Structures are given as C-alpha cells and as structure tokens.
C-alpha cells in the first residue's frame, strides 16, 4: 500500500487542522492505521 499525507501547514496556537492520508493499493479496510509524529531531535 502507498500512503500520502496532506493537510499540514502553519497555524497559530489554538487553531484546528485536519490531516488526511490517502491510501492506494492493497485492501485499505484490512489495514489498521496509525498516525505518528516526529519533532527535530526527537
């Protein structure tokens, strides 16, 4: 399966944002999905 994230950007504290991850290939409904994040140096 191939995954492509979108929706990121620059926002102010207190704002809202919705990220999307579009999947292609495989059977999407048979994949558990997760979101992770990584800050510099962490």
ModelCIF file with pLDDT and N, C-alpha, C, O atoms, coordinates in Angstrom:
data_MODEL
#
_entry.id   MODEL 
#
_entity.id                         1 
_entity.type                       polymer 
_entity.pdbx_number_of_molecules   1 
#
_entity_poly.entity_id                      1 
_entity_poly.type                           'polypeptide(L)' 
_entity_poly.nstd_linkage                   no 
_entity_poly.nstd_monomer                   no 
_entity_poly.pdbx_seq_one_letter_code       
;(UNK)(UNK)(UNK)(UNK)(UNK)(UNK)(UNK)(UNK)(UNK)(UNK)(UNK)(UNK)(UNK)(UNK)(UNK)(UNK)
(UNK)(UNK)(UNK)(UNK)(UNK)(UNK)(UNK)(UNK)(UNK)(UNK)(UNK)(UNK)(UNK)(UNK)(UNK)(UNK)
(UNK)(UNK)(UNK)(UNK)(UNK)(UNK)(UNK)(UNK)(UNK)(UNK)
;
_entity_poly.pdbx_seq_one_letter_code_can   XXXXXXXXXXXXXXXXXXXXXXXXXXXXXXXXXXXXXXXXXX 
_entity_poly.pdbx_strand_id                 A 
#
loop_
_entity_poly_seq.entity_id 
_entity_poly_seq.num 
_entity_poly_seq.mon_id 
_entity_poly_seq.hetero 
1 1  UNK n 
1 2  UNK n 
1 3  UNK n 
1 4  UNK n 
1 5  UNK n 
1 6  UNK n 
1 7  UNK n 
1 8  UNK n 
1 9  UNK n 
1 10 UNK n 
1 11 UNK n 
1 12 UNK n 
1 13 UNK n 
1 14 UNK n 
1 15 UNK n 
1 16 UNK n 
1 17 UNK n 
1 18 UNK n 
1 19 UNK n 
1 20 UNK n 
1 21 UNK n 
1 22 UNK n 
1 23 UNK n 
1 24 UNK n 
1 25 UNK n 
1 26 UNK n 
1 27 UNK n 
1 28 UNK n 
1 29 UNK n 
1 30 UNK n 
1 31 UNK n 
1 32 UNK n 
1 33 UNK n 
1 34 UNK n 
1 35 UNK n 
1 36 UNK n 
1 37 UNK n 
1 38 UNK n 
1 39 UNK n 
1 40 UNK n 
1 41 UNK n 
1 42 UNK n 
#
_struct_asym.id          A 
_struct_asym.entity_id   1 
#
loop_
_ma_qa_metric.id 
_ma_qa_metric.mode 
_ma_qa_metric.name 
_ma_qa_metric.software_group_id 
_ma_qa_metric.type 
1 global pLDDT . pLDDT 
2 local  pLDDT . pLDDT 
#
_ma_qa_metric_global.metric_id      1 
_ma_qa_metric_global.metric_value   97.24 
_ma_qa_metric_global.model_id       1 
_ma_qa_metric_global.ordinal_id     1 
#
loop_
_ma_qa_metric_local.label_asym_id 
_ma_qa_metric_local.label_comp_id 
_ma_qa_metric_local.label_seq_id 
_ma_qa_metric_local.metric_id 
_ma_qa_metric_local.metric_value 
_ma_qa_metric_local.model_id 
_ma_qa_metric_local.ordinal_id 
A UNK 1  2 96.00 1 1  
A UNK 2  2 98.00 1 2  
A UNK 3  2 98.00 1 3  
A UNK 4  2 98.00 1 4  
A UNK 5  2 98.00 1 5  
A UNK 6  2 98.00 1 6  
A UNK 7  2 98.00 1 7  
A UNK 8  2 98.00 1 8  
A UNK 9  2 98.00 1 9  
A UNK 10 2 98.00 1 10 
A UNK 11 2 98.00 1 11 
A UNK 12 2 98.00 1 12 
A UNK 13 2 98.00 1 13 
A UNK 14 2 97.00 1 14 
A UNK 15 2 98.00 1 15 
A UNK 16 2 98.00 1 16 
A UNK 17 2 98.00 1 17 
A UNK 18 2 98.00 1 18 
A UNK 19 2 98.00 1 19 
A UNK 20 2 98.00 1 20 
A UNK 21 2 98.00 1 21 
A UNK 22 2 98.00 1 22 
A UNK 23 2 98.00 1 23 
A UNK 24 2 97.00 1 24 
A UNK 25 2 92.00 1 25 
A UNK 26 2 92.00 1 26 
A UNK 27 2 95.00 1 27 
A UNK 28 2 97.00 1 28 
A UNK 29 2 97.00 1 29 
A UNK 30 2 97.00 1 30 
A UNK 31 2 98.00 1 31 
A UNK 32 2 98.00 1 32 
A UNK 33 2 98.00 1 33 
A UNK 34 2 98.00 1 34 
A UNK 35 2 98.00 1 35 
A UNK 36 2 98.00 1 36 
A UNK 37 2 98.00 1 37 
A UNK 38 2 98.00 1 38 
A UNK 39 2 97.00 1 39 
A UNK 40 2 93.00 1 40 
A UNK 41 2 95.00 1 41 
A UNK 42 2 97.00 1 42 
#
loop_
_atom_site.group_PDB 
_atom_site.id 
_atom_site.type_symbol 
_atom_site.label_atom_id 
_atom_site.label_alt_id 
_atom_site.label_comp_id 
_atom_site.label_asym_id 
_atom_site.label_entity_id 
_atom_site.label_seq_id 
_atom_site.pdbx_PDB_ins_code 
_atom_site.Cartn_x 
_atom_site.Cartn_y 
_atom_site.Cartn_z 
_atom_site.occupancy 
_atom_site.B_iso_or_equiv 
_atom_site.pdbx_formal_charge 
_atom_site.auth_seq_id 
_atom_site.auth_comp_id 
_atom_site.auth_asym_id 
_atom_site.auth_atom_id 
_atom_site.pdbx_PDB_model_num 
ATOM 1   N N  . UNK A 1 1  ? 0.839   -1.180 0.000  1.00 96.00 ? 1  UNK A N  1 
ATOM 2   C CA . UNK A 1 1  ? 0.000   0.000  0.000  1.00 96.00 ? 1  UNK A CA 1 
ATOM 3   C C  . UNK A 1 1  ? 0.886   1.246  0.000  1.00 96.00 ? 1  UNK A C  1 
ATOM 4   O O  . UNK A 1 1  ? 1.946   1.275  0.625  1.00 96.00 ? 1  UNK A O  1 
ATOM 5   N N  . UNK A 1 2  ? 0.432   2.257  -0.705 1.00 98.00 ? 2  UNK A N  1 
ATOM 6   C CA . UNK A 1 2  ? 1.131   3.526  -0.735 1.00 98.00 ? 2  UNK A CA 1 
ATOM 7   C C  . UNK A 1 2  ? 0.315   4.555  0.029  1.00 98.00 ? 2  UNK A C  1 
ATOM 8   O O  . UNK A 1 2  ? -0.907  4.614  -0.108 1.00 98.00 ? 2  UNK A O  1 
ATOM 9   N N  . UNK A 1 3  ? 0.985   5.359  0.826  1.00 98.00 ? 3  UNK A N  1 
ATOM 10  C CA . UNK A 1 3  ? 0.315   6.327  1.679  1.00 98.00 ? 3  UNK A CA 1 
ATOM 11  C C  . UNK A 1 3  ? 0.842   7.726  1.392  1.00 98.00 ? 3  UNK A C  1 
ATOM 12  O O  . UNK A 1 3  ? 2.051   7.936  1.285  1.00 98.00 ? 3  UNK A O  1 
ATOM 13  N N  . UNK A 1 4  ? -0.067  8.671  1.270  1.00 98.00 ? 4  UNK A N  1 
ATOM 14  C CA . UNK A 1 4  ? 0.307   10.054 1.010  1.00 98.00 ? 4  UNK A CA 1 
ATOM 15  C C  . UNK A 1 4  ? -0.448  10.964 1.961  1.00 98.00 ? 4  UNK A C  1 
ATOM 16  O O  . UNK A 1 4  ? -1.676  11.036 1.917  1.00 98.00 ? 4  UNK A O  1 
ATOM 17  N N  . UNK A 1 5  ? 0.286   11.660 2.825  1.00 98.00 ? 5  UNK A N  1 
ATOM 18  C CA . UNK A 1 5  ? -0.315  12.595 3.762  1.00 98.00 ? 5  UNK A CA 1 
ATOM 19  C C  . UNK A 1 5  ? -0.485  13.968 3.122  1.00 98.00 ? 5  UNK A C  1 
ATOM 20  O O  . UNK A 1 5  ? 0.248   14.341 2.206  1.00 98.00 ? 5  UNK A O  1 
ATOM 21  N N  . UNK A 1 6  ? -1.457  14.699 3.621  1.00 98.00 ? 6  UNK A N  1 
ATOM 22  C CA . UNK A 1 6  ? -1.660  16.071 3.189  1.00 98.00 ? 6  UNK A CA 1 
ATOM 23  C C  . UNK A 1 6  ? -2.381  16.833 4.292  1.00 98.00 ? 6  UNK A C  1 
ATOM 24  O O  . UNK A 1 6  ? -2.897  16.235 5.237  1.00 98.00 ? 6  UNK A O  1 
ATOM 25  N N  . UNK A 1 7  ? -2.413  18.137 4.168  1.00 98.00 ? 7  UNK A N  1 
ATOM 26  C CA . UNK A 1 7  ? -3.156  18.959 5.103  1.00 98.00 ? 7  UNK A CA 1 
ATOM 27  C C  . UNK A 1 7  ? -2.316  19.698 6.120  1.00 98.00 ? 7  UNK A C  1 
ATOM 28  O O  . UNK A 1 7  ? -2.843  20.506 6.885  1.00 98.00 ? 7  UNK A O  1 
ATOM 29  N N  . UNK A 1 8  ? -1.026  19.441 6.146  1.00 98.00 ? 8  UNK A N  1 
ATOM 30  C CA . UNK A 1 8  ? -0.168  20.138 7.078  1.00 98.00 ? 8  UNK A CA 1 
ATOM 31  C C  . UNK A 1 8  ? 0.021   21.587 6.675  1.00 98.00 ? 8  UNK A C  1 
ATOM 32  O O  . UNK A 1 8  ? -0.327  21.992 5.566  1.00 98.00 ? 8  UNK A O  1 
ATOM 33  N N  . UNK A 1 9  ? 0.575   22.358 7.591  1.00 98.00 ? 9  UNK A N  1 
ATOM 34  C CA . UNK A 1 9  ? 0.811   23.754 7.315  1.00 98.00 ? 9  UNK A CA 1 
ATOM 35  C C  . UNK A 1 9  ? 1.170   24.520 8.564  1.00 98.00 ? 9  UNK A C  1 
ATOM 36  O O  . UNK A 1 9  ? 1.433   23.939 9.617  1.00 98.00 ? 9  UNK A O  1 
ATOM 37  N N  . UNK A 1 10 ? 1.178   25.832 8.433  1.00 98.00 ? 10 UNK A N  1 
ATOM 38  C CA . UNK A 1 10 ? 1.492   26.724 9.537  1.00 98.00 ? 10 UNK A CA 1 
ATOM 39  C C  . UNK A 1 10 ? 0.209   27.287 10.113 1.00 98.00 ? 10 UNK A C  1 
ATOM 40  O O  . UNK A 1 10 ? -0.586  27.898 9.399  1.00 98.00 ? 10 UNK A O  1 
ATOM 41  N N  . UNK A 1 11 ? 0.006   27.080 11.410 1.00 98.00 ? 11 UNK A N  1 
ATOM 42  C CA . UNK A 1 11 ? -1.179  27.583 12.088 1.00 98.00 ? 11 UNK A CA 1 
ATOM 43  C C  . UNK A 1 11 ? -0.777  28.227 13.400 1.00 98.00 ? 11 UNK A C  1 
ATOM 44  O O  . UNK A 1 11 ? 0.350   28.067 13.868 1.00 98.00 ? 11 UNK A O  1 
ATOM 45  N N  . UNK A 1 12 ? -1.709  28.955 13.984 1.00 98.00 ? 12 UNK A N  1 
ATOM 46  C CA . UNK A 1 12 ? -1.477  29.575 15.272 1.00 98.00 ? 12 UNK A CA 1 
ATOM 47  C C  . UNK A 1 12 ? -1.967  28.679 16.397 1.00 98.00 ? 12 UNK A C  1 
ATOM 48  O O  . UNK A 1 12 ? -2.862  27.855 16.208 1.00 98.00 ? 12 UNK A O  1 
ATOM 49  N N  . UNK A 1 13 ? -1.377  28.847 17.558 1.00 98.00 ? 13 UNK A N  1 
ATOM 50  C CA . UNK A 1 13 ? -1.821  28.103 18.735 1.00 98.00 ? 13 UNK A CA 1 
ATOM 51  C C  . UNK A 1 13 ? -3.319  28.321 18.942 1.00 98.00 ? 13 UNK A C  1 
ATOM 52  O O  . UNK A 1 13 ? -3.820  29.442 18.845 1.00 98.00 ? 13 UNK A O  1 
ATOM 53  N N  . UNK A 1 14 ? -4.014  27.236 19.226 1.00 97.00 ? 14 UNK A N  1 
ATOM 54  C CA . UNK A 1 14 ? -5.447  27.297 19.417 1.00 97.00 ? 14 UNK A CA 1 
ATOM 55  C C  . UNK A 1 14 ? -6.248  26.975 18.172 1.00 97.00 ? 14 UNK A C  1 
ATOM 56  O O  . UNK A 1 14 ? -7.450  26.723 18.250 1.00 97.00 ? 14 UNK A O  1 
ATOM 57  N N  . UNK A 1 15 ? -5.596  26.983 17.035 1.00 98.00 ? 15 UNK A N  1 
ATOM 58  C CA . UNK A 1 15 ? -6.273  26.684 15.774 1.00 98.00 ? 15 UNK A CA 1 
ATOM 59  C C  . UNK A 1 15 ? -6.504  25.191 15.608 1.00 98.00 ? 15 UNK A C  1 
ATOM 60  O O  . UNK A 1 15 ? -6.036  24.378 16.404 1.00 98.00 ? 15 UNK A O  1 
ATOM 61  N N  . UNK A 1 16 ? -7.233  24.854 14.561 1.00 98.00 ? 16 UNK A N  1 
ATOM 62  C CA . UNK A 1 16 ? -7.517  23.473 14.219 1.00 98.00 ? 16 UNK A CA 1 
ATOM 63  C C  . UNK A 1 16 ? -6.956  23.141 12.850 1.00 98.00 ? 16 UNK A C  1 
ATOM 64  O O  . UNK A 1 16 ? -6.756  24.018 12.010 1.00 98.00 ? 16 UNK A O  1 
ATOM 65  N N  . UNK A 1 17 ? -6.709  21.878 12.645 1.00 98.00 ? 17 UNK A N  1 
ATOM 66  C CA . UNK A 1 17 ? -6.165  21.409 11.384 1.00 98.00 ? 17 UNK A CA 1 
ATOM 67  C C  . UNK A 1 17 ? -6.599  19.971 11.177 1.00 98.00 ? 17 UNK A C  1 
ATOM 68  O O  . UNK A 1 17 ? -6.662  19.190 12.127 1.00 98.00 ? 17 UNK A O  1 
ATOM 69  N N  . UNK A 1 18 ? -6.896  19.625 9.943  1.00 98.00 ? 18 UNK A N  1 
ATOM 70  C CA . UNK A 1 18 ? -7.221  18.242 9.634  1.00 98.00 ? 18 UNK A CA 1 
ATOM 71  C C  . UNK A 1 18 ? -6.234  17.686 8.627  1.00 98.00 ? 18 UNK A C  1 
ATOM 72  O O  . UNK A 1 18 ? -6.097  18.198 7.516  1.00 98.00 ? 18 UNK A O  1 
ATOM 73  N N  . UNK A 1 19 ? -5.555  16.640 9.032  1.00 98.00 ? 19 UNK A N  1 
ATOM 74  C CA . UNK A 1 19 ? -4.637  15.946 8.150  1.00 98.00 ? 19 UNK A CA 1 
ATOM 75  C C  . UNK A 1 19 ? -5.357  14.793 7.479  1.00 98.00 ? 19 UNK A C  1 
ATOM 76  O O  . UNK A 1 19 ? -6.253  14.181 8.061  1.00 98.00 ? 19 UNK A O  1 
ATOM 77  N N  . UNK A 1 20 ? -4.958  14.504 6.255  1.00 98.00 ? 20 UNK A N  1 
ATOM 78  C CA . UNK A 1 20 ? -5.519  13.386 5.519  1.00 98.00 ? 20 UNK A CA 1 
ATOM 79  C C  . UNK A 1 20 ? -4.403  12.466 5.070  1.00 98.00 ? 20 UNK A C  1 
ATOM 80  O O  . UNK A 1 20 ? -3.279  12.905 4.828  1.00 98.00 ? 20 UNK A O  1 
ATOM 81  N N  . UNK A 1 21 ? -4.720  11.205 4.964  1.00 98.00 ? 21 UNK A N  1 
ATOM 82  C CA . UNK A 1 21 ? -3.788  10.213 4.446  1.00 98.00 ? 21 UNK A CA 1 
ATOM 83  C C  . UNK A 1 21 ? -4.534  9.368  3.438  1.00 98.00 ? 21 UNK A C  1 
ATOM 84  O O  . UNK A 1 21 ? -5.437  8.611  3.792  1.00 98.00 ? 21 UNK A O  1 
ATOM 85  N N  . UNK A 1 22 ? -4.156  9.501  2.190  1.00 98.00 ? 22 UNK A N  1 
ATOM 86  C CA . UNK A 1 22 ? -4.788  8.750  1.115  1.00 98.00 ? 22 UNK A CA 1 
ATOM 87  C C  . UNK A 1 22 ? -3.989  7.489  0.830  1.00 98.00 ? 22 UNK A C  1 
ATOM 88  O O  . UNK A 1 22 ? -2.771  7.537  0.658  1.00 98.00 ? 22 UNK A O  1 
ATOM 89  N N  . UNK A 1 23 ? -4.680  6.368  0.783  1.00 98.00 ? 23 UNK A N  1 
ATOM 90  C CA . UNK A 1 23 ? -4.042  5.081  0.548  1.00 98.00 ? 23 UNK A CA 1 
ATOM 91  C C  . UNK A 1 23 ? -4.412  4.545  -0.820 1.00 98.00 ? 23 UNK A C  1 
ATOM 92  O O  . UNK A 1 23 ? -5.540  4.711  -1.284 1.00 98.00 ? 23 UNK A O  1 
ATOM 93  N N  . UNK A 1 24 ? -3.459  3.906  -1.453 1.00 97.00 ? 24 UNK A N  1 
ATOM 94  C CA . UNK A 1 24 ? -3.715  3.248  -2.722 1.00 97.00 ? 24 UNK A CA 1 
ATOM 95  C C  . UNK A 1 24 ? -3.002  1.902  -2.731 1.00 97.00 ? 24 UNK A C  1 
ATOM 96  O O  . UNK A 1 24 ? -1.916  1.758  -2.168 1.00 97.00 ? 24 UNK A O  1 
ATOM 97  N N  . UNK A 1 25 ? -3.618  0.929  -3.369 1.00 92.00 ? 25 UNK A N  1 
ATOM 98  C CA . UNK A 1 25 ? -3.070  -0.408 -3.349 1.00 92.00 ? 25 UNK A CA 1 
ATOM 99  C C  . UNK A 1 25 ? -3.517  -1.153 -2.107 1.00 92.00 ? 25 UNK A C  1 
ATOM 100 O O  . UNK A 1 25 ? -3.922  -0.542 -1.118 1.00 92.00 ? 25 UNK A O  1 
ATOM 101 N N  . UNK A 1 26 ? -3.445  -2.463 -2.159 1.00 92.00 ? 26 UNK A N  1 
ATOM 102 C CA . UNK A 1 26 ? -3.868  -3.258 -1.023 1.00 92.00 ? 26 UNK A CA 1 
ATOM 103 C C  . UNK A 1 26 ? -5.361  -3.152 -0.790 1.00 92.00 ? 26 UNK A C  1 
ATOM 104 O O  . UNK A 1 26 ? -6.103  -2.621 -1.617 1.00 92.00 ? 26 UNK A O  1 
ATOM 105 N N  . UNK A 1 27 ? -5.782  -3.661 0.342  1.00 95.00 ? 27 UNK A N  1 
ATOM 106 C CA . UNK A 1 27 ? -7.176  -3.557 0.753  1.00 95.00 ? 27 UNK A CA 1 
ATOM 107 C C  . UNK A 1 27 ? -7.208  -2.683 1.990  1.00 95.00 ? 27 UNK A C  1 
ATOM 108 O O  . UNK A 1 27 ? -6.910  -3.139 3.094  1.00 95.00 ? 27 UNK A O  1 
ATOM 109 N N  . UNK A 1 28 ? -7.569  -1.436 1.800  1.00 97.00 ? 28 UNK A N  1 
ATOM 110 C CA . UNK A 1 28 ? -7.465  -0.443 2.856  1.00 97.00 ? 28 UNK A CA 1 
ATOM 111 C C  . UNK A 1 28 ? -8.200  -0.852 4.129  1.00 97.00 ? 28 UNK A C  1 
ATOM 112 O O  . UNK A 1 28 ? -7.708  -0.630 5.236  1.00 97.00 ? 28 UNK A O  1 
ATOM 113 N N  . UNK A 1 29 ? -9.373  -1.446 3.971  1.00 97.00 ? 29 UNK A N  1 
ATOM 114 C CA . UNK A 1 29 ? -10.183 -1.798 5.130  1.00 97.00 ? 29 UNK A CA 1 
ATOM 115 C C  . UNK A 1 29 ? -9.577  -2.916 5.969  1.00 97.00 ? 29 UNK A C  1 
ATOM 116 O O  . UNK A 1 29 ? -10.064 -3.201 7.063  1.00 97.00 ? 29 UNK A O  1 
ATOM 117 N N  . UNK A 1 30 ? -8.534  -3.542 5.476  1.00 97.00 ? 30 UNK A N  1 
ATOM 118 C CA . UNK A 1 30 ? -7.865  -4.595 6.234  1.00 97.00 ? 30 UNK A CA 1 
ATOM 119 C C  . UNK A 1 30 ? -6.489  -4.156 6.742  1.00 97.00 ? 30 UNK A C  1 
ATOM 120 O O  . UNK A 1 30 ? -5.637  -4.987 7.054  1.00 97.00 ? 30 UNK A O  1 
ATOM 121 N N  . UNK A 1 31 ? -6.293  -2.866 6.817  1.00 98.00 ? 31 UNK A N  1 
ATOM 122 C CA . UNK A 1 31 ? -5.119  -2.292 7.456  1.00 98.00 ? 31 UNK A CA 1 
ATOM 123 C C  . UNK A 1 31 ? -5.563  -1.486 8.660  1.00 98.00 ? 31 UNK A C  1 
ATOM 124 O O  . UNK A 1 31 ? -6.395  -0.587 8.542  1.00 98.00 ? 31 UNK A O  1 
ATOM 125 N N  . UNK A 1 32 ? -5.012  -1.808 9.814  1.00 98.00 ? 32 UNK A N  1 
ATOM 126 C CA . UNK A 1 32 ? -5.125  -0.877 10.920 1.00 98.00 ? 32 UNK A CA 1 
ATOM 127 C C  . UNK A 1 32 ? -4.255  0.324  10.579 1.00 98.00 ? 32 UNK A C  1 
ATOM 128 O O  . UNK A 1 32 ? -3.193  0.171  9.976  1.00 98.00 ? 32 UNK A O  1 
ATOM 129 N N  . UNK A 1 33 ? -4.692  1.500  10.957 1.00 98.00 ? 33 UNK A N  1 
ATOM 130 C CA . UNK A 1 33 ? -3.986  2.713  10.586 1.00 98.00 ? 33 UNK A CA 1 
ATOM 131 C C  . UNK A 1 33 ? -3.560  3.498  11.814 1.00 98.00 ? 33 UNK A C  1 
ATOM 132 O O  . UNK A 1 33 ? -4.238  3.501  12.842 1.00 98.00 ? 33 UNK A O  1 
ATOM 133 N N  . UNK A 1 34 ? -2.437  4.154  11.684 1.00 98.00 ? 34 UNK A N  1 
ATOM 134 C CA . UNK A 1 34 ? -1.943  4.962  12.783 1.00 98.00 ? 34 UNK A CA 1 
ATOM 135 C C  . UNK A 1 34 ? -1.361  6.275  12.309 1.00 98.00 ? 34 UNK A C  1 
ATOM 136 O O  . UNK A 1 34 ? -0.966  6.421  11.153 1.00 98.00 ? 34 UNK A O  1 
ATOM 137 N N  . UNK A 1 35 ? -1.315  7.219  13.218 1.00 98.00 ? 35 UNK A N  1 
ATOM 138 C CA . UNK A 1 35 ? -0.630  8.492  12.999 1.00 98.00 ? 35 UNK A CA 1 
ATOM 139 C C  . UNK A 1 35 ? 0.490   8.618  14.029 1.00 98.00 ? 35 UNK A C  1 
ATOM 140 O O  . UNK A 1 35 ? 0.295   8.359  15.217 1.00 98.00 ? 35 UNK A O  1 
ATOM 141 N N  . UNK A 1 36 ? 1.642   9.014  13.558 1.00 98.00 ? 36 UNK A N  1 
ATOM 142 C CA . UNK A 1 36 ? 2.793   9.260  14.400 1.00 98.00 ? 36 UNK A CA 1 
ATOM 143 C C  . UNK A 1 36 ? 3.345   10.636 14.062 1.00 98.00 ? 36 UNK A C  1 
ATOM 144 O O  . UNK A 1 36 ? 3.034   11.204 13.016 1.00 98.00 ? 36 UNK A O  1 
ATOM 145 N N  . UNK A 1 37 ? 4.160   11.159 14.951 1.00 98.00 ? 37 UNK A N  1 
ATOM 146 C CA . UNK A 1 37 ? 4.785   12.443 14.668 1.00 98.00 ? 37 UNK A CA 1 
ATOM 147 C C  . UNK A 1 37 ? 6.220   12.443 15.168 1.00 98.00 ? 37 UNK A C  1 
ATOM 148 O O  . UNK A 1 37 ? 6.582   11.706 16.085 1.00 98.00 ? 37 UNK A O  1 
ATOM 149 N N  . UNK A 1 38 ? 7.017   13.282 14.548 1.00 98.00 ? 38 UNK A N  1 
ATOM 150 C CA . UNK A 1 38 ? 8.419   13.369 14.915 1.00 98.00 ? 38 UNK A CA 1 
ATOM 151 C C  . UNK A 1 38 ? 8.886   14.812 14.837 1.00 98.00 ? 38 UNK A C  1 
ATOM 152 O O  . UNK A 1 38 ? 8.825   15.445 13.783 1.00 98.00 ? 38 UNK A O  1 
ATOM 153 N N  . UNK A 1 39 ? 9.347   15.314 15.957 1.00 97.00 ? 39 UNK A N  1 
ATOM 154 C CA . UNK A 1 39 ? 9.915   16.643 16.028 1.00 97.00 ? 39 UNK A CA 1 
ATOM 155 C C  . UNK A 1 39 ? 11.431  16.544 15.870 1.00 97.00 ? 39 UNK A C  1 
ATOM 156 O O  . UNK A 1 39 ? 12.006  15.491 16.145 1.00 97.00 ? 39 UNK A O  1 
ATOM 157 N N  . UNK A 1 40 ? 12.086  17.613 15.435 1.00 93.00 ? 40 UNK A N  1 
ATOM 158 C CA . UNK A 1 40 ? 13.540  17.571 15.260 1.00 93.00 ? 40 UNK A CA 1 
ATOM 159 C C  . UNK A 1 40 ? 14.260  17.144 16.528 1.00 93.00 ? 40 UNK A C  1 
ATOM 160 O O  . UNK A 1 40 ? 13.997  17.665 17.612 1.00 93.00 ? 40 UNK A O  1 
ATOM 161 N N  . UNK A 1 41 ? 15.171  16.190 16.382 1.00 95.00 ? 41 UNK A N  1 
ATOM 162 C CA . UNK A 1 41 ? 15.946  15.720 17.513 1.00 95.00 ? 41 UNK A CA 1 
ATOM 163 C C  . UNK A 1 41 ? 15.224  14.770 18.443 1.00 95.00 ? 41 UNK A C  1 
ATOM 164 O O  . UNK A 1 41 ? 15.782  14.364 19.463 1.00 95.00 ? 41 UNK A O  1 
ATOM 165 N N  . UNK A 1 42 ? 14.002  14.408 18.118 1.00 97.00 ? 42 UNK A N  1 
ATOM 166 C CA . UNK A 1 42 ? 13.227  13.520 18.967 1.00 97.00 ? 42 UNK A CA 1 
ATOM 167 C C  . UNK A 1 42 ? 12.839  12.252 18.222 1.00 97.00 ? 42 UNK A C  1 
ATOM 168 O O  . UNK A 1 42 ? 12.177  11.382 18.788 1.00 97.00 ? 42 UNK A O  1 
#
